[in-house]
Amino acid sequence: MALEKEFNKRIPHRPLCDVNIAHIYNSLQTLAGQESISSEMFLKTLWRPTHSFWQWFYNLMKFLQPRSSNNNGINDTSVQAIWQAGHISGFISNEKAAELVKDQRVGTFLIRFSESSMNSLNAVQKMSDTSVHVYAPWDQQLVNCAGLATCIDQLSGADFLLSVFSREIRDRNEILRTPATEGSNTTNYPRSIGIQSPSSTDININIDIDFDLDIYLKDLPYPSTDVPDYGEELFSELINNHES
């Protein structure tokens, strides 16, 4: 798939897995419906209320590109570092995420890319034997300022991290250690910035029924997008690969 090649070229340290690729493909199929997907659909048609599929995908690639580190070897809790380590499941639907966590112990959670807002992540957590909790998105500004470990620290009872890149359920404290303090020359990763848990848009669902959660998530503002012309070329390659 052309999108897979493009992503892996830009983010070489953590290639997409089969679950990610299947979700991207299914998302494009859903966007097209009964029709053949067109460049207009891919590049400009609103896939979610505020953005097209290409705007969302392209800006995620920019969001995940490694940035220069200023933490002098101290634990890096940026999205870029944690994605490279394989602890963010990324491209996966809320439904699939809930399906995966519901079979694990209570307190298991998974981190995915939010689709309702640009450059955002959200957690899906098993709260009890009968419910899964889907949190409102963490936006880019919050994640970059606080560090992802600090965001996760606000999730009550989220103790076991599940990722589609690993067969093991890991203790979150093993992986997302407490960020360094501001006095350690790590201004991008403060210990805390007083994050408020986004409880107003959290969702409790019955894990025994079918559901479509994205329509319930609050749409958040996103920065102006810079979508390059090469999207047309990438779309042509995507279609050619599909037809062959």
Protein backbone atom coordinates (compact mmCIF):
# COMPACT_ATOMS: atom_id res chain seq x y z
CA MET A 1 0.00 0.00 0.00
CA ALA A 2 1.36 3.42 -0.98
CA LEU A 3 0.36 4.99 2.34
CA GLU A 4 2.25 2.31 4.23
CA LYS A 5 5.40 2.98 2.20
CA GLU A 6 5.08 6.73 2.71
CA PHE A 7 4.59 6.38 6.46
CA ASN A 8 7.46 3.94 6.89
CA LYS A 9 9.76 6.21 4.87
CA ARG A 10 8.98 9.21 7.08
CA ILE A 11 8.83 7.29 10.39
CA PRO A 12 11.48 4.59 9.83
CA HIS A 13 12.00 3.46 13.43
CA ARG A 14 8.50 2.01 13.89
CA PRO A 15 6.93 0.63 10.68
CA LEU A 16 3.18 0.04 10.60
CA CYS A 17 1.94 -3.38 11.69
CA ASP A 18 -0.79 -5.50 10.06
CA VAL A 19 -3.46 -4.13 12.42
CA ASN A 20 -2.56 -0.56 11.43
CA ILE A 21 -2.57 -1.34 7.71
CA ALA A 22 -5.92 -3.13 7.91
CA HIS A 23 -7.47 -0.17 9.72
CA ILE A 24 -6.19 2.34 7.14
CA TYR A 25 -7.50 0.18 4.31
CA ASN A 26 -10.89 -0.31 5.97
CA SER A 27 -11.17 3.42 6.67
CA LEU A 28 -10.64 4.22 3.00
CA GLN A 29 -13.15 1.56 1.99
CA THR A 30 -15.72 3.04 4.37
CA LEU A 31 -15.02 6.53 3.02
CA ALA A 32 -15.66 5.36 -0.53
CA GLY A 33 -18.78 3.35 0.33
CA GLN A 34 -20.14 1.65 -2.76
CA GLU A 35 -18.15 3.91 -5.07
CA SER A 36 -14.55 3.78 -6.23
CA ILE A 37 -12.49 6.13 -4.09
CA SER A 38 -11.55 9.31 -5.95
CA SER A 39 -8.78 11.83 -5.38
CA GLU A 40 -11.44 14.30 -4.24
CA MET A 41 -12.56 11.86 -1.53
CA PHE A 42 -9.02 11.06 -0.47
CA LEU A 43 -7.67 14.62 -0.39
CA LYS A 44 -10.62 16.90 0.34
CA THR A 45 -13.85 15.15 1.33
CA LEU A 46 -14.51 15.44 5.05
CA TRP A 47 -13.75 12.05 6.57
CA ARG A 48 -14.52 13.43 10.03
CA PRO A 49 -16.38 16.72 10.70
CA THR A 50 -13.23 18.87 10.56
CA HIS A 51 -10.79 17.15 8.20
CA SER A 52 -10.23 14.86 5.24
CA PHE A 53 -8.50 11.50 5.53
CA TRP A 54 -5.35 12.86 3.89
CA GLN A 55 -5.19 15.90 6.17
CA TRP A 56 -5.45 13.61 9.19
CA PHE A 57 -2.91 11.07 7.93
CA TYR A 58 -0.36 13.61 6.65
CA ASN A 59 -0.40 15.67 9.83
CA LEU A 60 0.02 12.54 11.95
CA MET A 61 3.18 11.73 9.99
CA LYS A 62 4.50 15.22 10.77
CA PHE A 63 3.49 14.83 14.42
CA LEU A 64 5.40 11.54 14.77
CA GLN A 65 8.61 12.56 13.01
CA PRO A 66 11.50 12.39 15.48
CA ARG A 67 12.53 15.72 16.92
CA SER A 68 15.88 16.71 18.35
CA SER A 69 16.18 15.65 21.96
CA ASN A 70 17.13 18.09 24.69
CA ASN A 71 16.77 15.76 27.63
CA ASN A 72 20.43 14.71 27.90
CA GLY A 73 19.64 11.01 28.27
CA ILE A 74 16.80 11.46 30.76
CA ASN A 75 13.68 9.43 29.99
CA ASP A 76 11.94 10.89 26.94
CA THR A 77 8.14 10.85 27.30
CA SER A 78 7.35 12.53 23.98
CA VAL A 79 4.85 10.95 21.59
CA GLN A 80 7.65 10.46 19.07
CA ALA A 81 9.80 8.45 21.49
CA ILE A 82 6.94 6.34 22.83
CA TRP A 83 5.68 5.59 19.31
CA GLN A 84 9.17 4.42 18.31
CA ALA A 85 9.26 2.18 21.38
CA GLY A 86 6.07 0.48 20.20
CA HIS A 87 3.85 1.50 23.12
CA ILE A 88 1.26 3.40 21.04
CA SER A 89 -1.04 1.19 19.00
CA GLY A 90 -1.77 4.07 16.64
CA PHE A 91 -4.03 3.30 13.68
CA ILE A 92 -6.79 1.21 15.22
CA SER A 93 -10.50 1.84 15.63
CA ASN A 94 -12.18 2.40 18.98
CA GLU A 95 -14.18 -0.76 18.36
CA LYS A 96 -11.08 -2.87 17.76
CA ALA A 97 -9.30 -1.30 20.74
CA ALA A 98 -12.25 -2.12 23.02
CA GLU A 99 -12.36 -5.64 21.65
CA LEU A 100 -8.68 -6.13 22.53
CA VAL A 101 -8.76 -4.68 26.05
CA LYS A 102 -12.01 -6.37 27.10
CA ASP A 103 -10.32 -9.78 27.13
CA GLN A 104 -7.56 -8.56 29.46
CA ARG A 105 -7.49 -7.86 33.20
CA VAL A 106 -9.25 -4.82 34.63
CA GLY A 107 -7.01 -1.74 34.33
CA THR A 108 -5.63 -2.67 30.91
CA PHE A 109 -5.53 0.24 28.47
CA LEU A 110 -4.45 0.96 24.91
CA ILE A 111 -3.38 4.23 23.26
CA ARG A 112 -4.56 5.01 19.74
CA PHE A 113 -4.61 7.94 17.31
CA SER A 114 -7.84 9.87 17.71
CA GLU A 115 -9.78 10.28 14.48
CA SER A 116 -12.18 12.97 15.66
CA SER A 117 -9.41 15.57 16.03
CA MET A 118 -6.06 16.23 14.40
CA ASN A 119 -2.74 15.18 15.95
CA SER A 120 -4.38 13.74 19.04
CA LEU A 121 -4.38 10.49 20.98
CA ASN A 122 -6.91 8.85 23.24
CA ALA A 123 -6.90 5.95 25.66
CA VAL A 124 -9.30 3.00 25.74
CA GLN A 125 -9.40 1.29 29.13
CA LYS A 126 -11.10 -1.75 30.68
CA MET A 127 -12.77 -0.42 33.83
CA SER A 128 -14.58 -3.54 35.00
CA ASP A 129 -15.67 -6.94 33.75
CA THR A 130 -18.60 -5.29 31.97
CA SER A 131 -17.39 -1.90 30.81
CA VAL A 132 -14.74 -0.23 28.67
CA HIS A 133 -13.95 3.45 29.06
CA VAL A 134 -13.03 5.65 26.07
CA TYR A 135 -11.34 8.92 27.02
CA ALA A 136 -11.62 12.20 25.19
CA PRO A 137 -8.54 13.02 23.07
CA TRP A 138 -5.31 14.51 24.32
CA ASP A 139 -4.39 17.17 21.78
CA GLN A 140 -0.91 17.91 20.43
CA GLN A 141 -0.25 20.94 22.60
CA LEU A 142 -1.09 19.07 25.78
CA VAL A 143 0.93 15.99 24.88
CA ASN A 144 3.99 17.94 23.73
CA CYS A 145 3.99 20.15 26.80
CA ALA A 146 3.29 17.54 29.47
CA GLY A 147 4.79 14.41 28.02
CA LEU A 148 2.61 11.39 27.39
CA ALA A 149 3.52 9.75 30.72
CA THR A 150 2.02 12.69 32.59
CA CYS A 151 -1.19 12.46 30.56
CA ILE A 152 -1.50 8.75 31.29
CA ASP A 153 -0.88 9.40 34.98
CA GLN A 154 -4.26 11.15 35.06
CA LEU A 155 -6.11 7.97 34.07
CA SER A 156 -7.54 6.37 37.17
CA GLY A 157 -6.65 2.67 37.46
CA ALA A 158 -4.87 2.46 34.09
CA ASP A 159 -2.12 0.08 35.19
CA PHE A 160 -1.43 -2.30 32.30
CA LEU A 161 -0.45 -1.13 28.83
CA LEU A 162 -1.52 -3.16 25.80
CA SER A 163 -0.03 -2.50 22.36
CA VAL A 164 -0.61 -4.13 18.99
CA PHE A 165 3.18 -4.12 18.57
CA SER A 166 3.78 -6.46 21.50
CA ARG A 167 2.45 -9.81 22.71
CA GLU A 168 3.02 -8.83 26.33
CA ILE A 169 0.88 -6.72 28.63
CA ARG A 170 3.32 -4.39 30.38
CA ASP A 171 3.10 -2.59 33.69
CA ARG A 172 2.77 1.06 32.71
CA ASN A 173 5.31 2.16 35.33
CA GLU A 174 7.89 -0.07 33.68
CA ILE A 175 7.52 1.76 30.40
CA LEU A 176 6.33 5.26 31.14
CA ARG A 177 8.57 6.27 34.03
CA THR A 178 8.02 9.61 35.75
CA PRO A 179 9.44 12.46 33.63
CA ALA A 180 12.31 14.50 34.98
CA THR A 181 11.67 17.69 36.88
CA GLU A 182 12.00 21.13 35.34
CA GLY A 183 15.30 21.66 37.13
CA SER A 184 16.99 18.92 35.09
CA ASN A 185 17.20 20.88 31.84
CA THR A 186 14.13 19.14 30.43
CA THR A 187 11.77 22.03 29.85
CA ASN A 188 9.74 20.08 27.31
CA TYR A 189 8.93 17.40 29.86
CA PRO A 190 7.78 18.93 33.18
CA ARG A 191 6.55 16.61 35.92
CA SER A 192 3.04 18.05 35.90
CA ILE A 193 1.05 20.92 34.43
CA GLY A 194 -2.16 20.37 36.36
CA ILE A 195 -4.01 18.37 33.69
CA GLN A 196 -7.73 18.03 34.25
CA SER A 197 -9.20 14.63 33.41
CA PRO A 198 -11.60 15.01 30.44
CA SER A 199 -14.46 13.25 32.26
CA SER A 200 -17.21 15.22 30.54
CA THR A 201 -16.73 13.32 27.30
CA ASP A 202 -15.71 9.93 28.67
CA ILE A 203 -17.89 7.02 27.65
CA ASN A 204 -18.94 3.86 29.44
CA ILE A 205 -20.10 1.14 27.07
CA ASN A 206 -21.38 -2.38 27.29
CA ILE A 207 -18.67 -4.56 25.80
CA ASP A 208 -21.19 -7.19 24.73
CA ILE A 209 -22.83 -5.04 22.05
CA ASP A 210 -21.73 -3.46 18.80
CA PHE A 211 -20.94 0.24 18.96
CA ASP A 212 -19.55 3.15 16.97
CA LEU A 213 -17.75 5.41 19.44
CA ASP A 214 -16.15 8.02 17.23
CA ILE A 215 -19.45 9.84 16.75
CA TYR A 216 -19.58 10.52 20.48
CA LEU A 217 -16.13 12.01 20.87
CA LYS A 218 -15.87 15.76 21.15
CA ASP A 219 -14.30 17.45 18.12
CA LEU A 220 -11.37 19.62 19.14
CA PRO A 221 -9.83 22.54 17.23
CA TYR A 222 -6.79 21.71 15.14
CA PRO A 223 -4.06 23.85 13.64
CA SER A 224 -4.11 24.99 10.05
CA THR A 225 -2.96 22.18 7.81
CA ASP A 226 -0.16 22.14 5.29
CA VAL A 227 -1.15 19.45 2.85
CA PRO A 228 1.41 19.03 0.05
CA ASP A 229 0.69 18.61 -3.64
CA TYR A 230 2.29 15.18 -3.64
CA GLY A 231 -0.96 13.85 -2.16
CA GLU A 232 -2.24 13.55 -5.74
CA GLU A 233 0.78 11.46 -6.73
CA LEU A 234 0.41 9.28 -3.66
CA PHE A 235 -3.27 8.76 -4.43
CA SER A 236 -2.43 7.66 -7.98
CA GLU A 237 0.06 5.15 -6.64
CA LEU A 238 -2.50 3.89 -4.13
CA ILE A 239 -5.06 3.29 -6.88
CA ASN A 240 -2.52 1.67 -9.23
CA ASN A 241 -1.37 -0.71 -6.49
CA HIS A 242 -4.96 -1.64 -5.70
CA GLU A 243 -5.84 -2.34 -9.32
CA SER A 244 -2.71 -4.46 -9.84
